[in-house]
Protein backbone atom coordinates (compact mmCIF):
# COMPACT_ATOMS: atom_id res chain seq x y z
CA MET A 1 -0.04 0.17 -0.34
CA LYS A 2 2.87 2.51 -0.62
CA LEU A 3 2.27 5.27 -3.62
CA ALA A 4 3.87 4.64 -6.89
CA SER A 5 4.70 6.56 -9.83
CA ALA A 6 2.40 6.77 -12.42
CA PRO A 7 3.27 6.91 -15.77
CA HIS A 8 1.66 10.08 -17.62
CA HIS A 9 0.43 10.97 -14.24
CA ARG A 10 -2.25 7.90 -15.14
CA ALA A 11 -2.94 5.85 -12.61
CA ALA A 12 -3.90 2.42 -14.28
CA GLY A 13 -6.95 1.32 -11.80
CA ARG A 14 -5.48 1.39 -8.26
CA VAL A 15 -7.85 1.30 -5.50
CA LEU A 16 -7.79 4.05 -2.71
CA ALA A 17 -9.38 3.17 0.01
CA ILE A 18 -9.78 6.34 2.42
CA ALA A 19 -10.33 5.18 6.26
CA SER A 20 -11.22 6.54 10.05
CA GLY A 21 -10.87 5.22 13.45
CA LYS A 22 -14.44 6.95 14.30
CA GLY A 23 -16.87 9.15 12.64
CA GLY A 24 -17.07 12.62 11.90
CA VAL A 25 -14.16 13.10 10.77
CA GLY A 26 -15.25 14.43 7.45
CA LYS A 27 -13.95 10.75 5.64
CA THR A 28 -16.60 10.91 2.89
CA THR A 29 -16.59 14.54 2.27
CA LEU A 30 -12.99 14.51 1.20
CA ALA A 31 -13.71 10.97 -0.54
CA VAL A 32 -16.25 13.41 -2.93
CA GLY A 33 -13.61 15.97 -2.78
CA MET A 34 -10.90 13.87 -3.96
CA ALA A 35 -12.74 11.84 -6.59
CA ARG A 36 -13.80 14.92 -8.30
CA ALA A 37 -10.74 16.18 -7.74
CA LEU A 38 -8.90 13.67 -9.50
CA SER A 39 -11.06 13.86 -12.43
CA LEU A 40 -10.71 17.30 -12.81
CA MET A 41 -7.03 15.44 -13.35
CA ASP A 42 -8.04 13.66 -16.19
CA GLU A 43 -8.40 10.42 -14.07
CA ARG A 44 -11.64 8.12 -14.81
CA VAL A 45 -12.65 8.15 -11.20
CA LEU A 46 -15.61 5.18 -9.83
CA LEU A 47 -16.30 6.48 -6.03
CA MET A 48 -17.50 3.30 -4.19
CA ASP A 49 -19.71 3.71 -0.72
CA GLY A 50 -17.94 0.91 1.85
CA ASP A 51 -20.03 2.33 4.78
CA LEU A 52 -23.44 0.64 4.80
CA GLY A 53 -24.39 1.25 8.06
CA MET A 54 -23.84 5.16 7.64
CA ALA A 55 -23.97 4.91 3.78
CA ASN A 56 -24.23 8.33 2.31
CA ILE A 57 -22.29 9.28 -0.43
CA ASP A 58 -25.66 9.20 -3.12
CA VAL A 59 -27.46 11.71 0.16
CA GLN A 60 -24.74 14.41 -0.21
CA LEU A 61 -24.38 14.65 -3.93
CA GLY A 62 -28.16 14.67 -4.64
CA LEU A 63 -28.00 11.11 -6.29
CA GLN A 64 -31.41 8.81 -6.51
CA PRO A 65 -28.83 5.70 -7.79
CA ARG A 66 -31.19 2.63 -9.79
CA ALA A 67 -29.22 0.50 -7.63
CA ASP A 68 -27.27 0.37 -4.87
CA ILE A 69 -24.24 -2.38 -2.76
CA VAL A 70 -26.82 -4.09 -1.06
CA ASN A 71 -28.30 -5.27 -4.16
CA VAL A 72 -25.15 -6.52 -5.95
CA LEU A 73 -24.27 -8.54 -2.36
CA SER A 74 -28.02 -9.80 -3.01
CA GLY A 75 -27.33 -10.78 -6.75
CA LYS A 76 -29.69 -8.82 -8.16
CA THR A 77 -27.38 -7.04 -9.93
CA SER A 78 -23.43 -6.42 -10.68
CA LEU A 79 -21.19 -4.33 -9.75
CA GLU A 80 -21.23 -2.31 -13.32
CA ASP A 81 -25.16 -2.01 -13.17
CA ALA A 82 -25.35 -0.22 -10.07
CA VAL A 83 -23.13 2.34 -11.21
CA CYS A 84 -24.10 5.58 -11.06
CA PRO A 85 -22.97 9.05 -13.21
CA ALA A 86 -22.32 11.61 -10.55
CA ILE A 87 -21.60 15.54 -12.07
CA GLY A 88 -21.97 13.71 -15.74
CA GLY A 89 -20.65 10.71 -14.57
CA ALA A 90 -16.85 9.33 -15.32
CA ALA A 91 -16.95 10.20 -18.76
CA GLU A 92 -17.35 14.04 -18.17
CA ARG A 93 -13.93 16.48 -16.60
CA GLY A 94 -14.94 17.05 -13.47
CA GLY A 95 -17.22 13.64 -12.52
CA PHE A 96 -17.30 10.56 -11.61
CA ASP A 97 -19.21 7.43 -10.91
CA VAL A 98 -20.55 6.53 -7.74
CA ILE A 99 -21.55 2.74 -6.29
CA SER A 100 -23.67 3.98 -3.78
CA GLY A 101 -24.23 1.76 -0.30
CA ARG A 102 -27.67 1.82 1.53
CA SER A 103 -28.08 3.74 5.41
CA GLY A 104 -28.96 1.08 7.99
CA SER A 105 -28.33 -2.31 6.13
CA GLY A 106 -26.19 -4.81 7.83
CA ALA A 107 -24.98 -6.72 4.76
CA LEU A 108 -21.20 -5.27 4.52
CA ALA A 109 -21.01 -5.85 8.06
CA ASN A 110 -22.44 -9.96 8.18
CA LEU A 111 -20.84 -10.37 4.88
CA SER A 112 -18.86 -14.10 4.94
CA GLY A 113 -15.00 -14.80 4.51
CA PRO A 114 -16.10 -15.56 0.86
CA GLY A 115 -18.25 -12.77 0.37
CA LEU A 116 -16.16 -10.36 1.38
CA THR A 117 -13.56 -12.34 -1.36
CA LYS A 118 -16.00 -11.98 -3.81
CA LEU A 119 -16.51 -8.29 -3.16
CA ALA A 120 -13.09 -7.41 -3.25
CA THR A 121 -11.97 -8.70 -6.39
CA GLY A 122 -15.25 -7.47 -7.78
CA VAL A 123 -13.96 -3.91 -7.36
CA ALA A 124 -10.72 -4.83 -7.98
CA ALA A 125 -11.47 -6.13 -11.27
CA LEU A 126 -14.43 -3.03 -11.34
CA ALA A 127 -11.59 -0.48 -10.95
CA LEU A 128 -9.38 -1.73 -14.55
CA SER A 129 -12.11 0.05 -16.50
CA TYR A 130 -11.38 3.27 -14.46
CA ASP A 131 -8.08 5.50 -13.95
CA ARG A 132 -9.01 4.78 -9.88
CA ALA A 133 -11.74 3.13 -7.83
CA ILE A 134 -11.98 4.72 -4.19
CA LEU A 135 -13.50 3.03 -1.68
CA ASP A 136 -14.87 5.25 1.91
CA LEU A 137 -15.00 2.65 4.14
CA ALA A 138 -17.16 2.93 7.23
CA ALA A 139 -15.48 4.55 10.66
CA GLY A 140 -13.67 1.82 12.60
CA ALA A 141 -11.92 -1.48 12.73
CA ASP A 142 -14.36 -3.85 12.04
CA ARG A 143 -13.74 -6.65 10.12
CA ALA A 144 -15.57 -6.13 6.69
CA THR A 145 -13.57 -2.67 6.94
CA VAL A 146 -10.19 -3.70 7.18
CA ARG A 147 -10.91 -6.71 4.81
CA LEU A 148 -11.73 -4.13 1.72
CA ALA A 149 -8.48 -1.29 3.19
CA LEU A 150 -6.14 -4.63 2.79
CA THR A 151 -7.17 -5.55 -0.70
CA ALA A 152 -6.14 -1.71 -1.29
CA ASP A 153 -3.02 -0.24 -3.64
CA ASP A 154 -3.00 3.13 -1.47
CA VAL A 155 -5.13 3.67 2.25
CA ILE A 156 -5.51 7.12 3.69
CA ILE A 157 -6.49 7.17 7.21
CA VAL A 158 -8.38 10.73 8.31
CA ILE A 159 -7.51 12.12 11.96
CA ASN A 160 -8.44 15.69 13.20
CA ASP A 161 -6.89 17.45 15.82
CA GLU A 162 -9.40 15.73 18.27
CA PRO A 163 -7.98 13.35 20.61
CA THR A 164 -10.37 10.63 20.28
CA SER A 165 -10.12 10.36 17.06
CA LEU A 166 -6.18 10.27 17.02
CA THR A 167 -6.46 7.11 19.42
CA ASP A 168 -8.96 5.52 17.03
CA ALA A 169 -7.09 6.25 13.94
CA TYR A 170 -4.21 4.04 16.22
CA ALA A 171 -6.81 1.89 16.41
CA PHE A 172 -7.27 0.89 13.07
CA VAL A 173 -3.68 1.44 11.94
CA LYS A 174 -2.59 -1.51 14.81
CA THR A 175 -5.42 -3.54 13.16
CA LEU A 176 -4.30 -3.39 9.45
CA ARG A 177 -0.67 -3.88 10.81
CA LEU A 178 -1.16 -7.28 12.28
CA HIS A 179 -2.92 -8.55 8.85
CA ASP A 180 -0.05 -6.78 6.93
CA GLU A 181 2.81 -5.38 8.86
CA GLY A 182 4.14 -4.04 5.84
CA ALA A 183 1.09 -1.60 5.65
CA SER A 184 1.81 1.74 4.78
CA PRO A 185 -1.50 4.64 5.11
CA LEU A 186 -0.81 7.36 4.62
CA VAL A 187 -2.37 10.37 7.21
CA VAL A 188 -4.41 13.42 5.78
CA VAL A 189 -5.84 15.64 8.69
CA ASN A 190 -9.26 17.00 7.42
CA ASN A 191 -10.79 20.24 9.17
CA ALA A 192 -7.74 21.55 10.54
CA PRO A 193 -8.34 25.08 12.26
CA ASN A 194 -4.74 26.22 10.96
CA ALA A 195 -1.62 24.51 9.32
CA ASN A 196 0.25 24.29 13.04
CA ALA A 197 -2.84 22.78 14.95
CA ALA A 198 -2.78 20.04 12.05
CA ARG A 199 1.03 19.35 12.22
CA ASP A 200 0.44 19.47 15.99
CA ALA A 201 -1.74 16.31 16.00
CA PHE A 202 -0.14 14.58 13.04
CA GLY A 203 3.19 14.83 15.11
CA ALA A 204 1.25 13.24 17.92
CA PHE A 205 0.06 10.12 15.74
CA ARG A 206 3.23 9.90 14.55
CA LYS A 207 4.84 9.70 18.54
CA THR A 208 2.16 7.22 19.38
CA CYS A 209 2.52 4.88 16.12
CA GLU A 210 6.14 4.95 15.95
CA SER A 211 6.41 4.19 20.18
CA PHE A 212 4.06 1.15 19.36
CA LEU A 213 4.36 0.41 16.48
CA SER A 214 7.62 1.14 15.34
CA PHE A 215 6.07 2.30 12.41
CA THR A 216 6.49 5.99 11.13
CA PRO A 217 3.65 7.38 8.88
CA THR A 218 3.70 9.42 6.20
CA LEU A 219 1.89 12.64 6.23
CA ALA A 220 -0.08 13.25 2.45
CA GLY A 221 -1.94 16.33 3.16
CA ILE A 222 -4.21 18.68 5.31
CA VAL A 223 -7.40 20.31 4.54
CA ARG A 224 -8.06 23.18 6.41
CA ARG A 225 -11.50 24.13 7.86
CA ASP A 226 -13.74 26.11 5.61
CA ALA A 227 -17.50 26.96 5.58
CA THR A 228 -17.90 25.75 2.32
CA VAL A 229 -17.98 22.20 3.31
CA PRO A 230 -21.30 22.29 5.91
CA ALA A 231 -22.79 24.59 2.98
CA ALA A 232 -22.22 22.07 0.65
CA ILE A 233 -23.28 19.42 2.42
CA ARG A 234 -26.43 20.78 2.96
CA THR A 235 -26.76 22.05 -0.40
CA GLN A 236 -25.82 18.30 -1.82
CA THR A 237 -23.50 19.88 -4.10
CA CYS A 238 -19.71 19.04 -4.02
CA VAL A 239 -17.52 21.48 -2.03
CA SER A 240 -15.04 21.89 -5.46
CA VAL A 241 -18.80 22.82 -7.61
CA ARG A 242 -20.23 24.97 -5.34
CA ALA A 243 -17.11 26.85 -4.83
CA PRO A 244 -13.63 26.23 -6.98
CA ASP A 245 -11.29 28.45 -5.50
CA CYS A 246 -12.09 27.64 -1.47
CA ASP A 247 -9.41 26.79 0.58
CA ALA A 248 -11.11 23.10 1.17
CA ALA A 249 -11.32 22.51 -2.71
CA LYS A 250 -7.75 23.85 -3.23
CA ASP A 251 -6.22 21.14 -0.80
CA TYR A 252 -8.79 18.31 -1.98
CA HIS A 253 -6.79 19.25 -5.43
CA ALA A 254 -3.36 19.48 -3.92
CA LEU A 255 -4.09 16.39 -2.54
CA ALA A 256 -4.90 15.00 -5.17
CA GLY A 257 -1.53 15.80 -6.78
CA ILE A 258 0.60 14.00 -4.80
CA LEU A 259 -0.99 10.60 -4.77
CA ALA A 260 -1.18 10.80 -8.84
CA ARG A 261 1.97 12.23 -9.38
CA GLY A 262 3.25 9.47 -6.44
CA ARG A 263 5.03 12.02 -3.94
CA GLU A 264 4.40 12.55 -0.54
CA ALA A 265 3.57 15.90 0.89
CA ALA A 266 6.45 18.24 1.71
């Protein structure tokens, strides 16, 4: 799960999983923002909602999909047929495709090992039709979430400057590395009041990981606190569509550039 150089800035079907130790840190908004930013860099992007308990990508974007991941898991439809275009879809610059979850469903949590393997394999196969697939995982470190994270090429763990965010993110990384000692999730500090607070939060998280896991995480980016974000959520609009030049949109774009080029944050 390390960043790889992409020839001609193409990701070539890479799968990016976005996780968090706890809810409420802005993981889904970041996933949507990243899908939009990567699409604006001419990547064809698929965004999949992997949080079936609190799924809300379709709500955030005002989508009404004809099928969702629960239909896929029940065998009623295929992953391909569950694809719904957002902002014009992946065929349009700035648009991307979405596979929605279903809020309140326990389908993913109840998946057996073979069921999880089948889903992960299906996502990887569908990703080959895109430059990049983004998995918006459930918060926490349950079996299904960790299993899907382990199948991704890159994993981002989203934190903020709250102590509970840091401790729960540490628990996720610990669980991930228990299953794969080489797992190296990247870190994004979201909703940061300022750069100093963000770097202090990351520094505390890094120190804990180094002390107890002998692992030094990489800071991939910082997303500044921006009033445009809650306003966009209320109006079911992507942040960078509502305000392309706002701080959060610029930060999503910077992070997307780092991923596209396979480089770490400065």
